[in-house]
Amino acid sequence: MKRTLLRAAEPGRSPEPPIARRSIDSIQWARGIAALGVFLFHLDMSITEKFGRTWCSGWFFGGATGVEFFFILSGFIILHTHLQDIGRPDRFSSFVTKRFIRLYPIYWLCVLPLGLALLAGAGANGHRDLTVVQFVMDLLLIPREGVRVLQPAWTLQHELVFYIAFSAMIFHARLGLLALVLWQVACLATLIFDLIPVGYQNMQPLARFLGHENFGFAIGMLVAWIYRKYGHGQAMLFRLIGAAGAVGVGVALWLRGASGVVILPNAAAEALLFFALYAMVMIGLLTVRVAGPSRVGASLGLLGSASYVLYLIHEPIISASIKLAQSPILAGRAMGLVVGLVILLVGISASIAVHKLIEQPLLVLLRNAAFGRRPASGMAAQPS
């Protein structure tokens, strides 16, 4: 892998076009399914809390692992699309601009109204205090203690840390790679010596920099390296690996969700398990080529394109919808199921609408303003 990264930094070396700019539809579909899984997980939890019974017998509790898939996907996409930027300091500003446009504008559109409402005193149950300083830190995705304005932003803070680590390789390939390795070693040491508590959405700012979640980025980069080096001649092997990973994911999700079995002793061990399984699945998906257009493929592709919006707005939609559903009439599992289905449809529809009407035109506008042209279609133009 080191040799691949350093070779990419050689002056005058041309990119590898068949891989670098190909649209990988299967990965786009998986992105949408992962975002939907996270949505269903939070929806199941909220319906269970409201109605006192599990919404769908706990089948969607495993949807939370979609976050692990997103970490791997991000590492894959960043190396896959920015390999030629490594060792090219002149491309640093372009990298930062692309990442800023992809990450911040639509996030701000989602977090601004929520933050302003909280500053005005519209906190959940009247006790969610927010200061102006905290709001500004959340807008900038600066890690802080306490509850964030938009809860899913904790993963975006990890993302930002990864961008900073990767950008070091743009300035200097060898030293940047060394810095990236040392960062991962620091994350490993933090985990081994239990330097910060392990738990879902650890609120400590240090967890964003040294948490076990950051291993997902390195694993995603490893998948990208394997794909670039062996992707042309190992399709059958890749599919077998992907199938084994899919079976493993299915069994692990069943154990984690419907059966209620504790797979591994803590969140870090479980995350590492799903990192490995999802990496295997991704390796298999990279060999899938779509024969032609289909309704299912188009729908999953659209959901994948809208996945960032869905990830950002699903919790506020769930919260607002549950409050609207507060009624003595809505009692029992049957009504809980109906309410859950309505929220699911509203969330997906709203995400697609925001993507088509706001996010997509906004990205085109900002990219045209920044680069004077629309970026090439395919993976490079998709969110990470």
Protein backbone atom coordinates (compact mmCIF):
# COMPACT_ATOMS: atom_id res chain seq x y z
CA MET A 1 0.00 0.00 0.00
CA LYS A 2 2.84 2.37 0.86
CA ARG A 3 4.39 1.77 -2.56
CA THR A 4 1.09 2.54 -4.29
CA LEU A 5 0.72 5.82 -2.43
CA LEU A 6 4.30 6.87 -3.13
CA ARG A 7 4.08 5.89 -6.80
CA ALA A 8 0.97 8.02 -7.14
CA ALA A 9 3.03 10.98 -5.97
CA GLU A 10 5.68 10.56 -8.69
CA PRO A 11 5.85 13.62 -10.98
CA GLY A 12 4.14 13.13 -14.32
CA ARG A 13 2.56 9.84 -13.38
CA SER A 14 -0.84 9.52 -15.04
CA PRO A 15 -3.92 8.27 -13.23
CA GLU A 16 -5.35 4.80 -13.71
CA PRO A 17 -8.51 5.81 -15.62
CA PRO A 18 -10.56 2.58 -15.73
CA ILE A 19 -10.77 2.50 -11.94
CA ALA A 20 -10.32 6.08 -10.81
CA ARG A 21 -13.35 7.57 -12.55
CA ARG A 22 -15.78 4.68 -12.88
CA SER A 23 -19.18 5.06 -11.29
CA ILE A 24 -19.67 2.18 -8.86
CA ASP A 25 -23.44 1.81 -8.64
CA SER A 26 -23.42 -1.06 -6.19
CA ILE A 27 -21.54 1.05 -3.64
CA GLN A 28 -24.06 3.83 -4.15
CA TRP A 29 -26.87 1.37 -3.44
CA ALA A 30 -25.10 0.18 -0.29
CA ARG A 31 -24.72 3.77 0.85
CA GLY A 32 -28.48 4.25 0.65
CA ILE A 33 -29.19 0.99 2.48
CA ALA A 34 -26.74 1.92 5.25
CA ALA A 35 -28.39 5.32 5.76
CA LEU A 36 -31.80 3.65 5.78
CA GLY A 37 -30.53 1.17 8.38
CA VAL A 38 -29.44 3.99 10.71
CA PHE A 39 -32.84 5.66 10.20
CA LEU A 40 -34.69 2.43 11.03
CA PHE A 41 -32.55 1.87 14.12
CA HIS A 42 -33.37 5.29 15.59
CA LEU A 43 -37.00 4.97 14.52
CA ASP A 44 -37.30 1.56 16.19
CA MET A 45 -35.79 2.93 19.39
CA SER A 46 -38.12 5.94 19.42
CA ILE A 47 -41.25 3.91 18.71
CA THR A 48 -40.25 1.43 21.41
CA GLU A 49 -39.74 4.24 23.91
CA LYS A 50 -43.06 5.89 23.01
CA PHE A 51 -45.26 2.80 22.87
CA GLY A 52 -43.42 0.63 25.35
CA ARG A 53 -42.92 -2.24 22.91
CA THR A 54 -40.46 -2.92 20.12
CA TRP A 55 -41.66 -1.62 16.78
CA CYS A 56 -40.66 -4.62 14.65
CA SER A 57 -39.43 -7.13 17.25
CA GLY A 58 -36.01 -5.48 17.32
CA TRP A 59 -35.11 -6.43 13.76
CA PHE A 60 -33.74 -2.96 13.04
CA PHE A 61 -31.51 -2.60 16.09
CA GLY A 62 -28.62 -3.73 13.90
CA GLY A 63 -29.19 -0.75 11.60
CA ALA A 64 -26.88 1.29 13.82
CA THR A 65 -23.95 -0.56 12.23
CA GLY A 66 -24.59 1.41 9.06
CA VAL A 67 -22.32 3.99 10.70
CA GLU A 68 -19.42 1.52 10.52
CA PHE A 69 -20.10 1.11 6.81
CA PHE A 70 -19.98 4.89 6.35
CA PHE A 71 -16.55 5.13 7.98
CA ILE A 72 -15.18 2.45 5.65
CA LEU A 73 -16.88 4.04 2.65
CA SER A 74 -15.32 7.41 3.45
CA GLY A 75 -11.81 5.98 3.65
CA PHE A 76 -12.38 4.14 0.38
CA ILE A 77 -13.73 7.17 -1.50
CA ILE A 78 -11.11 9.63 -0.29
CA LEU A 79 -8.16 7.46 -1.34
CA HIS A 80 -9.95 6.25 -4.47
CA THR A 81 -10.66 9.76 -5.74
CA HIS A 82 -7.69 11.70 -4.33
CA LEU A 83 -4.81 9.28 -4.86
CA GLN A 84 -3.34 11.54 -7.54
CA ASP A 85 -3.35 14.46 -5.09
CA ILE A 86 -0.88 12.74 -2.75
CA GLY A 87 2.49 14.51 -2.73
CA ARG A 88 1.03 17.48 -4.64
CA PRO A 89 0.88 20.52 -2.33
CA ASP A 90 -0.55 22.55 -5.20
CA ARG A 91 -3.72 20.43 -4.97
CA PHE A 92 -4.29 21.05 -1.27
CA SER A 93 -6.63 24.00 -1.79
CA SER A 94 -8.67 22.01 -4.31
CA PHE A 95 -8.96 19.08 -1.87
CA VAL A 96 -10.05 21.35 0.97
CA THR A 97 -12.57 23.16 -1.23
CA LYS A 98 -14.14 19.92 -2.48
CA ARG A 99 -14.39 18.50 1.02
CA PHE A 100 -15.82 21.76 2.39
CA ILE A 101 -18.49 21.93 -0.32
CA ARG A 102 -19.43 18.30 0.24
CA LEU A 103 -19.57 18.47 4.04
CA TYR A 104 -20.63 21.88 5.30
CA PRO A 105 -23.30 23.72 3.25
CA ILE A 106 -26.11 21.16 3.50
CA TYR A 107 -25.10 20.44 7.10
CA TRP A 108 -25.49 24.14 7.91
CA LEU A 109 -28.91 24.23 6.27
CA CYS A 110 -29.98 21.39 8.58
CA VAL A 111 -28.35 22.53 11.82
CA LEU A 112 -29.04 26.29 11.65
CA PRO A 113 -32.81 26.17 12.23
CA LEU A 114 -32.41 23.61 15.01
CA GLY A 115 -29.70 25.60 16.73
CA LEU A 116 -31.60 28.86 16.50
CA ALA A 117 -34.69 27.16 17.94
CA LEU A 118 -32.65 25.81 20.85
CA LEU A 119 -31.10 29.22 21.48
CA ALA A 120 -34.63 30.59 21.59
CA GLY A 121 -35.51 28.09 24.33
CA ALA A 122 -37.23 25.34 22.36
CA GLY A 123 -35.15 22.56 23.88
CA ALA A 124 -36.33 19.00 24.25
CA ASN A 125 -38.46 18.77 27.42
CA GLY A 126 -37.38 22.31 28.26
CA HIS A 127 -33.92 21.34 29.57
CA ARG A 128 -31.62 21.25 26.56
CA ASP A 129 -29.62 24.42 27.14
CA LEU A 130 -27.36 25.70 24.38
CA THR A 131 -24.90 28.58 24.49
CA VAL A 132 -23.82 30.68 21.51
CA VAL A 133 -20.27 29.35 21.82
CA GLN A 134 -21.52 25.76 21.75
CA PHE A 135 -23.67 26.54 18.73
CA VAL A 136 -20.72 28.04 16.84
CA MET A 137 -18.60 25.00 17.72
CA ASP A 138 -21.33 22.72 16.37
CA LEU A 139 -21.57 24.77 13.18
CA LEU A 140 -17.84 24.34 12.64
CA LEU A 141 -17.94 20.66 13.72
CA ILE A 142 -15.48 21.32 16.52
CA PRO A 143 -15.71 18.49 19.09
CA ARG A 144 -17.06 19.54 22.48
CA GLU A 145 -18.60 18.00 25.57
CA GLY A 146 -22.36 17.80 25.95
CA VAL A 147 -25.26 17.09 23.60
CA ARG A 148 -24.81 18.40 20.06
CA VAL A 149 -27.46 20.40 18.20
CA LEU A 150 -27.59 17.66 15.57
CA GLN A 151 -26.67 14.33 17.12
CA PRO A 152 -25.42 12.57 13.95
CA ALA A 153 -22.75 15.27 13.65
CA TRP A 154 -20.44 13.19 15.85
CA THR A 155 -19.54 11.09 12.80
CA LEU A 156 -18.88 14.24 10.75
CA GLN A 157 -16.38 15.33 13.39
CA HIS A 158 -14.53 12.04 12.86
CA GLU A 159 -14.73 12.71 9.14
CA LEU A 160 -13.14 16.12 9.56
CA VAL A 161 -10.27 14.64 11.59
CA PHE A 162 -9.69 12.10 8.82
CA TYR A 163 -9.61 14.85 6.18
CA ILE A 164 -6.93 16.65 8.19
CA ALA A 165 -4.88 13.45 8.50
CA PHE A 166 -5.22 12.67 4.78
CA SER A 167 -4.31 16.22 3.76
CA ALA A 168 -0.88 15.70 5.36
CA MET A 169 -0.13 13.22 2.56
CA ILE A 170 -1.03 15.86 -0.01
CA PHE A 171 1.71 18.09 1.37
CA HIS A 172 4.30 15.32 1.59
CA ALA A 173 3.63 11.71 0.62
CA ARG A 174 6.12 9.95 2.92
CA LEU A 175 5.79 12.18 5.97
CA GLY A 176 2.03 12.34 5.52
CA LEU A 177 1.77 8.55 5.35
CA LEU A 178 3.92 8.33 8.46
CA ALA A 179 1.61 10.79 10.23
CA LEU A 180 -1.43 8.77 9.16
CA VAL A 181 0.13 5.54 10.49
CA LEU A 182 1.09 7.21 13.77
CA TRP A 183 -2.48 8.50 14.12
CA GLN A 184 -3.83 4.98 13.74
CA VAL A 185 -1.25 3.67 16.21
CA ALA A 186 -2.34 6.34 18.70
CA CYS A 187 -5.96 5.24 18.23
CA LEU A 188 -4.90 1.63 18.84
CA ALA A 189 -2.93 2.55 21.97
CA THR A 190 -5.91 4.53 23.26
CA LEU A 191 -8.09 1.46 22.82
CA ILE A 192 -5.64 -1.07 24.27
CA PHE A 193 -4.83 0.99 27.35
CA ASP A 194 -8.42 2.17 27.78
CA LEU A 195 -7.42 5.85 27.79
CA ILE A 196 -10.92 7.04 26.97
CA PRO A 197 -14.25 5.33 27.75
CA VAL A 198 -15.59 3.08 25.01
CA GLY A 199 -19.24 3.66 24.26
CA TYR A 200 -21.71 4.67 21.60
CA GLN A 201 -21.33 8.36 20.74
CA ASN A 202 -18.77 9.02 23.47
CA MET A 203 -19.20 12.72 24.21
CA GLN A 204 -15.57 13.38 25.10
CA PRO A 205 -13.92 15.58 22.43
CA LEU A 206 -10.79 13.38 22.56
CA ALA A 207 -12.87 10.46 21.27
CA ARG A 208 -13.22 12.20 17.91
CA PHE A 209 -9.44 12.27 17.49
CA LEU A 210 -8.44 8.94 19.04
CA GLY A 211 -11.61 6.84 19.09
CA HIS A 212 -11.76 3.31 17.67
CA GLU A 213 -14.16 4.55 14.96
CA ASN A 214 -11.16 6.04 13.14
CA PHE A 215 -9.95 2.53 12.25
CA GLY A 216 -12.77 2.46 9.70
CA PHE A 217 -11.05 5.09 7.58
CA ALA A 218 -7.82 3.09 7.41
CA ILE A 219 -9.74 -0.09 6.56
CA GLY A 220 -11.59 1.76 3.80
CA MET A 221 -8.28 2.98 2.39
CA LEU A 222 -7.02 -0.61 2.48
CA VAL A 223 -10.07 -1.71 0.47
CA ALA A 224 -9.34 1.01 -2.10
CA TRP A 225 -5.74 -0.17 -2.38
CA ILE A 226 -6.82 -3.81 -2.82
CA TYR A 227 -9.32 -2.74 -5.45
CA ARG A 228 -6.80 -0.71 -7.44
CA LYS A 229 -4.09 -3.38 -7.24
CA TYR A 230 -6.11 -6.56 -7.79
CA GLY A 231 -9.51 -5.40 -9.02
CA HIS A 232 -9.01 -6.38 -12.65
CA GLY A 233 -8.15 -10.05 -12.29
CA GLN A 234 -9.70 -11.34 -9.08
CA ALA A 235 -13.44 -10.85 -9.64
CA MET A 236 -14.41 -14.37 -8.55
CA LEU A 237 -12.28 -14.20 -5.41
CA PHE A 238 -13.68 -10.76 -4.60
CA ARG A 239 -17.23 -12.09 -4.96
CA LEU A 240 -16.51 -15.02 -2.65
CA ILE A 241 -15.06 -12.65 -0.07
CA GLY A 242 -18.09 -10.39 -0.44
CA ALA A 243 -20.51 -13.32 -0.07
CA ALA A 244 -18.72 -14.52 3.08
CA GLY A 245 -18.86 -10.99 4.45
CA ALA A 246 -22.57 -10.69 3.65
CA VAL A 247 -23.32 -13.96 5.46
CA GLY A 248 -21.27 -12.75 8.42
CA VAL A 249 -23.13 -9.43 8.50
CA GLY A 250 -26.47 -11.23 8.34
CA VAL A 251 -25.63 -13.55 11.22
CA ALA A 252 -24.12 -10.75 13.32
CA LEU A 253 -27.12 -8.46 12.73
CA TRP A 254 -29.52 -11.25 13.65
CA LEU A 255 -27.60 -11.99 16.84
CA ARG A 256 -27.36 -8.27 17.67
CA GLY A 257 -30.97 -7.47 16.88
CA ALA A 258 -33.78 -10.00 16.92
CA SER A 259 -32.12 -12.60 19.14
CA GLY A 260 -30.81 -10.12 21.70
CA VAL A 261 -27.49 -11.96 21.99
CA VAL A 262 -24.47 -9.87 23.00
CA ILE A 263 -21.93 -10.60 20.27
CA LEU A 264 -18.83 -9.01 21.79
CA PRO A 265 -18.12 -7.47 25.19
CA ASN A 266 -18.00 -3.80 24.21
CA ALA A 267 -18.76 -1.29 21.46
CA ALA A 268 -15.17 -1.15 20.21
CA ALA A 269 -14.89 -4.91 19.67
CA GLU A 270 -18.28 -4.96 17.95
CA ALA A 271 -17.30 -2.03 15.71
CA LEU A 272 -14.09 -3.79 14.67
CA LEU A 273 -16.09 -6.89 13.81
CA PHE A 274 -18.46 -4.94 11.57
CA PHE A 275 -15.56 -2.99 10.05
CA ALA A 276 -14.05 -6.30 8.92
CA LEU A 277 -17.36 -7.72 7.68
CA TYR A 278 -18.40 -4.57 5.82
CA ALA A 279 -14.95 -4.33 4.24
CA MET A 280 -15.44 -7.86 2.89
CA VAL A 281 -18.89 -6.90 1.60
CA MET A 282 -17.50 -3.82 -0.11
CA ILE A 283 -14.76 -5.85 -1.81
CA GLY A 284 -17.50 -8.05 -3.25
CA LEU A 285 -19.70 -5.13 -4.27
CA LEU A 286 -16.85 -3.60 -6.25
CA THR A 287 -17.10 -6.48 -8.73
CA VAL A 288 -20.83 -5.98 -9.31
CA ARG A 289 -21.62 -4.34 -12.62
CA VAL A 290 -25.15 -3.27 -13.49
CA ALA A 291 -26.36 -4.83 -16.75
CA GLY A 292 -28.89 -2.08 -17.41
CA PRO A 293 -31.31 0.35 -15.81
CA SER A 294 -34.00 -1.00 -13.49
CA ARG A 295 -36.55 0.47 -11.13
CA VAL A 296 -34.95 -1.14 -8.11
CA GLY A 297 -31.51 0.08 -9.12
CA ALA A 298 -32.78 3.58 -9.84
CA SER A 299 -34.58 3.73 -6.49
CA LEU A 300 -31.57 2.51 -4.54
CA GLY A 301 -29.34 4.87 -6.48
CA LEU A 302 -31.59 7.81 -5.63
CA LEU A 303 -31.64 6.77 -1.98
CA GLY A 304 -27.85 6.56 -2.07
CA SER A 305 -27.60 10.05 -3.54
CA ALA A 306 -29.92 11.37 -0.83
CA SER A 307 -28.20 9.39 1.95
CA TYR A 308 -26.29 12.35 3.40
CA VAL A 309 -29.48 14.37 3.74
CA LEU A 310 -31.32 11.36 5.18
CA TYR A 311 -28.56 10.85 7.71
CA LEU A 312 -28.68 14.49 8.79
CA ILE A 313 -32.44 15.01 9.06
CA HIS A 314 -33.80 11.65 10.16
CA GLU A 315 -33.50 12.26 13.91
CA PRO A 316 -35.25 15.69 13.85
CA ILE A 317 -38.02 14.16 11.70
CA ILE A 318 -38.45 11.26 14.11
CA SER A 319 -38.50 13.59 17.12
CA ALA A 320 -41.01 16.02 15.60
CA SER A 321 -43.24 13.24 14.29
CA ILE A 322 -43.31 11.42 17.62
CA LYS A 323 -44.37 14.63 19.35
CA LEU A 324 -47.17 15.12 16.85
CA ALA A 325 -48.28 11.56 17.52
CA GLN A 326 -48.63 12.12 21.26
CA SER A 327 -52.25 11.09 21.73
CA PRO A 328 -54.13 8.65 23.98
CA ILE A 329 -55.66 7.19 20.83
CA LEU A 330 -52.26 6.09 19.57
CA ALA A 331 -51.64 3.26 21.99
CA GLY A 332 -50.56 -0.30 21.43
CA ARG A 333 -48.24 -2.02 19.04
CA ALA A 334 -50.53 -1.77 15.99
CA MET A 335 -50.72 2.02 16.14
CA GLY A 336 -47.00 2.16 16.83
CA LEU A 337 -46.39 0.22 13.64
CA VAL A 338 -48.58 2.59 11.65
CA VAL A 339 -46.89 5.68 13.08
CA GLY A 340 -43.49 4.16 12.36
CA LEU A 341 -44.36 3.44 8.74
CA VAL A 342 -45.67 6.98 8.26
CA ILE A 343 -42.48 8.46 9.75
CA LEU A 344 -40.38 6.18 7.54
CA LEU A 345 -42.17 7.35 4.39
CA VAL A 346 -42.01 11.00 5.47
CA GLY A 347 -38.29 10.76 6.24
CA ILE A 348 -37.37 9.11 2.94
CA SER A 349 -39.60 11.45 0.91
CA ALA A 350 -38.29 14.56 2.66
CA SER A 351 -34.68 13.45 2.17
CA ILE A 352 -35.14 12.85 -1.54
CA ALA A 353 -36.99 16.16 -1.94
CA VAL A 354 -34.26 18.11 -0.11
CA HIS A 355 -31.59 16.33 -2.16
CA LYS A 356 -33.24 17.01 -5.51
CA LEU A 357 -34.47 20.54 -4.82
CA ILE A 358 -31.73 21.92 -2.57
CA GLU A 359 -28.63 19.78 -2.13
CA GLN A 360 -28.03 18.84 -5.76
CA PRO A 361 -28.49 22.35 -7.22
CA LEU A 362 -26.44 23.82 -4.36
CA LEU A 363 -23.54 21.45 -5.00
CA VAL A 364 -23.55 22.25 -8.70
CA LEU A 365 -23.67 25.99 -7.97
CA LEU A 366 -20.82 25.89 -5.46
CA ARG A 367 -18.65 23.60 -7.59
CA ASN A 368 -19.15 25.79 -10.63
CA ALA A 369 -18.28 28.85 -8.57
CA ALA A 370 -15.17 27.18 -7.14
CA PHE A 371 -13.84 25.35 -10.19
CA GLY A 372 -15.69 26.85 -13.14
CA ARG A 373 -17.00 23.45 -14.19
CA ARG A 374 -19.00 20.53 -12.91
CA PRO A 375 -16.88 17.66 -11.54
CA ALA A 376 -16.72 14.40 -13.42
CA SER A 377 -19.64 12.07 -12.84
CA GLY A 378 -19.21 8.96 -10.77
CA MET A 379 -17.77 8.25 -7.39
CA ALA A 380 -15.79 11.47 -7.23
CA ALA A 381 -18.98 13.49 -7.46
CA GLN A 382 -20.73 11.60 -4.70
CA PRO A 383 -20.74 12.36 -0.99
CA SER A 384 -18.42 10.52 1.31
